Amino acid sequence: APRFRGIDAAFRETNSLTAAFLEFGV
């Protein structure tokens, strides 16, 4: 959670977990 809190919103925008990770610096 400390690292990926808010990733659900990124997934909704990108429809991809890989793309959502990218928005969090991965």
PDB file of all heavy atoms in Angstrom:
ATOM      1  N   ALA A   1       0.791  -1.231   0.000  1.00  0.00           N
ATOM      2  CA  ALA A   1       0.000   0.000   0.000  1.00  0.00           C
ATOM      3  C   ALA A   1       0.826   1.285   0.000  1.00  0.00           C
ATOM      4  O   ALA A   1       0.511   2.211  -0.759  1.00  0.00           O
ATOM      5  CB  ALA A   1      -0.978  -0.005   1.171  1.00  0.00           C
ATOM      6  N   PRO A   2       1.877   1.402   0.821  1.00  0.00           N
ATOM      7  CA  PRO A   2       2.601   2.680   0.807  1.00  0.00           C
ATOM      8  C   PRO A   2       3.125   3.050  -0.571  1.00  0.00           C
ATOM      9  O   PRO A   2       3.182   4.230  -0.931  1.00  0.00           O
ATOM     10  CB  PRO A   2       3.742   2.434   1.801  1.00  0.00           C
ATOM     11  CG  PRO A   2       3.233   1.365   2.711  1.00  0.00           C
ATOM     12  CD  PRO A   2       2.403   0.467   1.826  1.00  0.00           C
ATOM     13  N   ARG A   3       3.485   2.052  -1.365  1.00  0.00           N
ATOM     14  CA  ARG A   3       4.064   2.316  -2.682  1.00  0.00           C
ATOM     15  C   ARG A   3       3.013   2.464  -3.771  1.00  0.00           C
ATOM     16  O   ARG A   3       3.204   3.244  -4.722  1.00  0.00           O
ATOM     17  CB  ARG A   3       5.023   1.179  -3.052  1.00  0.00           C
ATOM     18  CG  ARG A   3       5.773   1.403  -4.356  1.00  0.00           C
ATOM     19  CD  ARG A   3       6.819   0.326  -4.567  1.00  0.00           C
ATOM     20  NE  ARG A   3       7.587   0.556  -5.783  1.00  0.00           N
ATOM     21  CZ  ARG A   3       8.559  -0.243  -6.221  1.00  0.00           C
ATOM     22  NH1 ARG A   3       8.912  -1.307  -5.508  1.00  0.00           N
ATOM     23  NH2 ARG A   3       9.204   0.032  -7.337  1.00  0.00           N
ATOM     24  N   PHE A   4       1.887   1.748  -3.644  1.00  0.00           N
ATOM     25  CA  PHE A   4       0.930   1.706  -4.743  1.00  0.00           C
ATOM     26  C   PHE A   4      -0.467   2.195  -4.370  1.00  0.00           C
ATOM     27  O   PHE A   4      -1.425   1.910  -5.066  1.00  0.00           O
ATOM     28  CB  PHE A   4       0.837   0.277  -5.299  1.00  0.00           C
ATOM     29  CG  PHE A   4       2.119  -0.191  -5.940  1.00  0.00           C
ATOM     30  CD1 PHE A   4       2.908  -1.149  -5.315  1.00  0.00           C
ATOM     31  CD2 PHE A   4       2.543   0.336  -7.148  1.00  0.00           C
ATOM     32  CE1 PHE A   4       4.090  -1.580  -5.894  1.00  0.00           C
ATOM     33  CE2 PHE A   4       3.719  -0.090  -7.738  1.00  0.00           C
ATOM     34  CZ  PHE A   4       4.503  -1.048  -7.117  1.00  0.00           C
ATOM     35  N   ARG A   5      -0.561   2.961  -3.308  1.00  0.00           N
ATOM     36  CA  ARG A   5      -1.857   3.521  -2.941  1.00  0.00           C
ATOM     37  C   ARG A   5      -2.336   4.454  -4.075  1.00  0.00           C
ATOM     38  O   ARG A   5      -1.618   5.339  -4.502  1.00  0.00           O
ATOM     39  CB  ARG A   5      -1.738   4.270  -1.624  1.00  0.00           C
ATOM     40  CG  ARG A   5      -3.071   4.679  -1.020  1.00  0.00           C
ATOM     41  CD  ARG A   5      -2.870   5.214   0.391  1.00  0.00           C
ATOM     42  NE  ARG A   5      -2.638   4.144   1.370  1.00  0.00           N
ATOM     43  CZ  ARG A   5      -1.577   4.075   2.157  1.00  0.00           C
ATOM     44  NH1 ARG A   5      -0.620   4.983   2.082  1.00  0.00           N
ATOM     45  NH2 ARG A   5      -1.459   3.090   3.030  1.00  0.00           N
ATOM     46  N   GLY A   6      -3.544   4.211  -4.573  1.00  0.00           N
ATOM     47  CA  GLY A   6      -4.084   4.997  -5.686  1.00  0.00           C
ATOM     48  C   GLY A   6      -3.910   4.337  -7.039  1.00  0.00           C
ATOM     49  O   GLY A   6      -4.339   4.890  -8.068  1.00  0.00           O
ATOM     50  N   ILE A   7      -3.309   3.149  -7.091  1.00  0.00           N
ATOM     51  CA  ILE A   7      -3.075   2.486  -8.374  1.00  0.00           C
ATOM     52  C   ILE A   7      -4.385   2.035  -9.020  1.00  0.00           C
ATOM     53  O   ILE A   7      -4.450   1.803 -10.229  1.00  0.00           O
ATOM     54  CB  ILE A   7      -2.111   1.296  -8.215  1.00  0.00           C
ATOM     55  CG1 ILE A   7      -1.532   0.887  -9.590  1.00  0.00           C
ATOM     56  CG2 ILE A   7      -2.790   0.130  -7.507  1.00  0.00           C
ATOM     57  CD1 ILE A   7      -0.424  -0.129  -9.508  1.00  0.00           C
ATOM     58  N   ASP A   8      -5.463   1.919  -8.228  1.00  0.00           N
ATOM     59  CA  ASP A   8      -6.751   1.550  -8.809  1.00  0.00           C
ATOM     60  C   ASP A   8      -7.227   2.609  -9.803  1.00  0.00           C
ATOM     61  O   ASP A   8      -7.776   2.280 -10.861  1.00  0.00           O
ATOM     62  CB  ASP A   8      -7.791   1.330  -7.715  1.00  0.00           C
ATOM     63  CG  ASP A   8      -7.917   2.507  -6.766  1.00  0.00           C
ATOM     64  OD1 ASP A   8      -6.872   3.079  -6.387  1.00  0.00           O
ATOM     65  OD2 ASP A   8      -9.051   2.841  -6.389  1.00  0.00           O
ATOM     66  N   ALA A   9      -6.986   3.873  -9.493  1.00  0.00           N
ATOM     67  CA  ALA A   9      -7.362   4.938 -10.423  1.00  0.00           C
ATOM     68  C   ALA A   9      -6.531   4.864 -11.694  1.00  0.00           C
ATOM     69  O   ALA A   9      -7.044   5.070 -12.804  1.00  0.00           O
ATOM     70  CB  ALA A   9      -7.188   6.305  -9.759  1.00  0.00           C
ATOM     71  N   ALA A  10      -5.247   4.541 -11.557  1.00  0.00           N
ATOM     72  CA  ALA A  10      -4.381   4.402 -12.730  1.00  0.00           C
ATOM     73  C   ALA A  10      -4.828   3.227 -13.595  1.00  0.00           C
ATOM     74  O   ALA A  10      -4.788   3.304 -14.824  1.00  0.00           O
ATOM     75  CB  ALA A  10      -2.924   4.211 -12.289  1.00  0.00           C
ATOM     76  N   PHE A  11      -5.276   2.156 -12.965  1.00  0.00           N
ATOM     77  CA  PHE A  11      -5.755   1.012 -13.749  1.00  0.00           C
ATOM     78  C   PHE A  11      -7.018   1.379 -14.515  1.00  0.00           C
ATOM     79  O   PHE A  11      -7.184   1.001 -15.683  1.00  0.00           O
ATOM     80  CB  PHE A  11      -6.019  -0.195 -12.851  1.00  0.00           C
ATOM     81  CG  PHE A  11      -6.472  -1.408 -13.616  1.00  0.00           C
ATOM     82  CD1 PHE A  11      -5.547  -2.313 -14.111  1.00  0.00           C
ATOM     83  CD2 PHE A  11      -7.824  -1.636 -13.869  1.00  0.00           C
ATOM     84  CE1 PHE A  11      -5.957  -3.423 -14.844  1.00  0.00           C
ATOM     85  CE2 PHE A  11      -8.234  -2.736 -14.595  1.00  0.00           C
ATOM     86  CZ  PHE A  11      -7.301  -3.634 -15.081  1.00  0.00           C
ATOM     87  N   ARG A  12      -7.922   2.093 -13.875  1.00  0.00           N
ATOM     88  CA  ARG A  12      -9.162   2.486 -14.566  1.00  0.00           C
ATOM     89  C   ARG A  12      -8.863   3.336 -15.797  1.00  0.00           C
ATOM     90  O   ARG A  12      -9.556   3.254 -16.805  1.00  0.00           O
ATOM     91  CB  ARG A  12     -10.075   3.246 -13.610  1.00  0.00           C
ATOM     92  CG  ARG A  12     -10.735   2.376 -12.539  1.00  0.00           C
ATOM     93  CD  ARG A  12     -11.811   3.140 -11.800  1.00  0.00           C
ATOM     94  NE  ARG A  12     -12.468   2.316 -10.785  1.00  0.00           N
ATOM     95  CZ  ARG A  12     -12.125   2.289  -9.509  1.00  0.00           C
ATOM     96  NH1 ARG A  12     -11.122   3.057  -9.082  1.00  0.00           N
ATOM     97  NH2 ARG A  12     -12.754   1.519  -8.651  1.00  0.00           N
ATOM     98  N   GLU A  13      -7.821   4.154 -15.717  1.00  0.00           N
ATOM     99  CA  GLU A  13      -7.467   5.022 -16.848  1.00  0.00           C
ATOM    100  C   GLU A  13      -6.770   4.255 -17.957  1.00  0.00           C
ATOM    101  O   GLU A  13      -6.973   4.541 -19.146  1.00  0.00           O
ATOM    102  CB  GLU A  13      -6.555   6.163 -16.369  1.00  0.00           C
ATOM    103  CG  GLU A  13      -7.234   7.166 -15.448  1.00  0.00           C
ATOM    104  CD  GLU A  13      -6.265   8.225 -14.952  1.00  0.00           C
ATOM    105  OE1 GLU A  13      -5.064   8.156 -15.342  1.00  0.00           O
ATOM    106  OE2 GLU A  13      -6.690   9.102 -14.193  1.00  0.00           O
ATOM    107  N   THR A  14      -5.951   3.272 -17.614  1.00  0.00           N
ATOM    108  CA  THR A  14      -5.105   2.601 -18.607  1.00  0.00           C
ATOM    109  C   THR A  14      -5.623   1.224 -19.024  1.00  0.00           C
ATOM    110  O   THR A  14      -5.230   0.713 -20.069  1.00  0.00           O
ATOM    111  CB  THR A  14      -3.683   2.424 -18.056  1.00  0.00           C
ATOM    112  OG1 THR A  14      -3.735   1.583 -16.878  1.00  0.00           O
ATOM    113  CG2 THR A  14      -3.072   3.769 -17.673  1.00  0.00           C
ATOM    114  N   ASN A  15      -6.489   0.630 -18.188  1.00  0.00           N
ATOM    115  CA  ASN A  15      -7.011  -0.709 -18.453  1.00  0.00           C
ATOM    116  C   ASN A  15      -5.885  -1.750 -18.510  1.00  0.00           C
ATOM    117  O   ASN A  15      -6.005  -2.765 -19.186  1.00  0.00           O
ATOM    118  CB  ASN A  15      -7.816  -0.735 -19.759  1.00  0.00           C
ATOM    119  CG  ASN A  15      -8.796  -1.889 -19.822  1.00  0.00           C
ATOM    120  OD1 ASN A  15      -9.292  -2.342 -18.796  1.00  0.00           O
ATOM    121  ND2 ASN A  15      -9.072  -2.373 -21.017  1.00  0.00           N
ATOM    122  N   SER A  16      -4.791  -1.487 -17.812  1.00  0.00           N
ATOM    123  CA  SER A  16      -3.629  -2.373 -17.845  1.00  0.00           C
ATOM    124  C   SER A  16      -2.859  -2.225 -16.552  1.00  0.00           C
ATOM    125  O   SER A  16      -2.537  -1.098 -16.134  1.00  0.00           O
ATOM    126  CB  SER A  16      -2.731  -2.029 -19.033  1.00  0.00           C
ATOM    127  OG  SER A  16      -1.449  -2.595 -18.897  1.00  0.00           O
ATOM    128  N   LEU A  17      -2.530  -3.340 -15.916  1.00  0.00           N
ATOM    129  CA  LEU A  17      -1.739  -3.281 -14.692  1.00  0.00           C
ATOM    130  C   LEU A  17      -0.306  -2.862 -15.001  1.00  0.00           C
ATOM    131  O   LEU A  17       0.319  -2.127 -14.229  1.00  0.00           O
ATOM    132  CB  LEU A  17      -1.769  -4.648 -13.998  1.00  0.00           C
ATOM    133  CG  LEU A  17      -1.340  -4.692 -12.525  1.00  0.00           C
ATOM    134  CD1 LEU A  17      -2.075  -3.651 -11.697  1.00  0.00           C
ATOM    135  CD2 LEU A  17      -1.576  -6.082 -11.963  1.00  0.00           C
ATOM    136  N   THR A  18       0.228  -3.311 -16.141  1.00  0.00           N
ATOM    137  CA  THR A  18       1.579  -2.918 -16.536  1.00  0.00           C
ATOM    138  C   THR A  18       1.672  -1.410 -16.720  1.00  0.00           C
ATOM    139  O   THR A  18       2.619  -0.764 -16.245  1.00  0.00           O
ATOM    140  CB  THR A  18       1.985  -3.626 -17.847  1.00  0.00           C
ATOM    141  OG1 THR A  18       1.994  -5.040 -17.621  1.00  0.00           O
ATOM    142  CG2 THR A  18       3.368  -3.182 -18.301  1.00  0.00           C
ATOM    143  N   ALA A  19       0.685  -0.821 -17.415  1.00  0.00           N
ATOM    144  CA  ALA A  19       0.673   0.631 -17.623  1.00  0.00           C
ATOM    145  C   ALA A  19       0.474   1.367 -16.303  1.00  0.00           C
ATOM    146  O   ALA A  19       1.044   2.448 -16.088  1.00  0.00           O
ATOM    147  CB  ALA A  19      -0.421   1.001 -18.615  1.00  0.00           C
ATOM    148  N   ALA A  20      -0.327   0.791 -15.414  1.00  0.00           N
ATOM    149  CA  ALA A  20      -0.534   1.421 -14.111  1.00  0.00           C
ATOM    150  C   ALA A  20       0.756   1.406 -13.292  1.00  0.00           C
ATOM    151  O   ALA A  20       1.098   2.391 -12.623  1.00  0.00           O
ATOM    152  CB  ALA A  20      -1.649   0.700 -13.357  1.00  0.00           C
ATOM    153  N   PHE A  21       1.499   0.302 -13.355  1.00  0.00           N
ATOM    154  CA  PHE A  21       2.802   0.243 -12.672  1.00  0.00           C
ATOM    155  C   PHE A  21       3.724   1.347 -13.183  1.00  0.00           C
ATOM    156  O   PHE A  21       4.466   1.966 -12.415  1.00  0.00           O
ATOM    157  CB  PHE A  21       3.457  -1.115 -12.893  1.00  0.00           C
ATOM    158  CG  PHE A  21       2.989  -2.203 -11.972  1.00  0.00           C
ATOM    159  CD1 PHE A  21       2.797  -3.497 -12.447  1.00  0.00           C
ATOM    160  CD2 PHE A  21       2.756  -1.953 -10.631  1.00  0.00           C
ATOM    161  CE1 PHE A  21       2.376  -4.510 -11.603  1.00  0.00           C
ATOM    162  CE2 PHE A  21       2.326  -2.956  -9.775  1.00  0.00           C
ATOM    163  CZ  PHE A  21       2.135  -4.238 -10.260  1.00  0.00           C
ATOM    164  N   LEU A  22       3.698   1.583 -14.477  1.00  0.00           N
ATOM    165  CA  LEU A  22       4.574   2.595 -15.073  1.00  0.00           C
ATOM    166  C   LEU A  22       4.303   3.969 -14.469  1.00  0.00           C
ATOM    167  O   LEU A  22       5.237   4.749 -14.225  1.00  0.00           O
ATOM    168  CB  LEU A  22       4.380   2.622 -16.589  1.00  0.00           C
ATOM    169  CG  LEU A  22       5.296   3.554 -17.380  1.00  0.00           C
ATOM    170  CD1 LEU A  22       6.763   3.178 -17.175  1.00  0.00           C
ATOM    171  CD2 LEU A  22       4.947   3.507 -18.870  1.00  0.00           C
ATOM    172  N   GLU A  23       3.033   4.268 -14.207  1.00  0.00           N
ATOM    173  CA  GLU A  23       2.687   5.556 -13.602  1.00  0.00           C
ATOM    174  C   GLU A  23       3.211   5.676 -12.173  1.00  0.00           C
ATOM    175  O   GLU A  23       3.315   6.775 -11.633  1.00  0.00           O
ATOM    176  CB  GLU A  23       1.174   5.759 -13.623  1.00  0.00           C
ATOM    177  CG  GLU A  23       0.602   5.936 -15.035  1.00  0.00           C
ATOM    178  CD  GLU A  23      -0.816   6.459 -15.010  1.00  0.00           C
ATOM    179  OE1 GLU A  23      -1.248   6.976 -13.936  1.00  0.00           O
ATOM    180  OE2 GLU A  23      -1.491   6.376 -16.045  1.00  0.00           O
ATOM    181  N   PHE A  24       3.564   4.529 -11.569  1.00  0.00           N
ATOM    182  CA  PHE A  24       4.118   4.533 -10.207  1.00  0.00           C
ATOM    183  C   PHE A  24       5.622   4.285 -10.216  1.00  0.00           C
ATOM    184  O   PHE A  24       6.201   3.886  -9.203  1.00  0.00           O
ATOM    185  CB  PHE A  24       3.390   3.498  -9.345  1.00  0.00           C
ATOM    186  CG  PHE A  24       2.055   3.967  -8.836  1.00  0.00           C
ATOM    187  CD1 PHE A  24       0.967   4.048  -9.684  1.00  0.00           C
ATOM    188  CD2 PHE A  24       1.895   4.378  -7.515  1.00  0.00           C
ATOM    189  CE1 PHE A  24      -0.270   4.495  -9.224  1.00  0.00           C
ATOM    190  CE2 PHE A  24       0.675   4.827  -7.051  1.00  0.00           C
ATOM    191  CZ  PHE A  24      -0.415   4.896  -7.911  1.00  0.00           C
ATOM    192  N   GLY A  25       6.243   4.513 -11.373  1.00  0.00           N
ATOM    193  CA  GLY A  25       7.698   4.458 -11.454  1.00  0.00           C
ATOM    194  C   GLY A  25       8.293   3.102 -11.719  1.00  0.00           C
ATOM    195  O   GLY A  25       9.521   2.945 -11.669  1.00  0.00           O
ATOM    196  N   VAL A  26       7.460   2.087 -12.003  1.00  0.00           N
ATOM    197  CA  VAL A  26       7.972   0.751 -12.302  1.00  0.00           C
ATOM    198  C   VAL A  26       8.060   0.612 -13.818  1.00  0.00           C
ATOM    199  O   VAL A  26       7.072   0.313 -14.486  1.00  0.00           O
ATOM    200  CB  VAL A  26       7.076  -0.354 -11.709  1.00  0.00           C
ATOM    201  CG1 VAL A  26       7.638  -1.731 -12.034  1.00  0.00           C
ATOM    202  CG2 VAL A  26       6.940  -0.170 -10.202  1.00  0.00           C
TER     203      VAL A  26
END
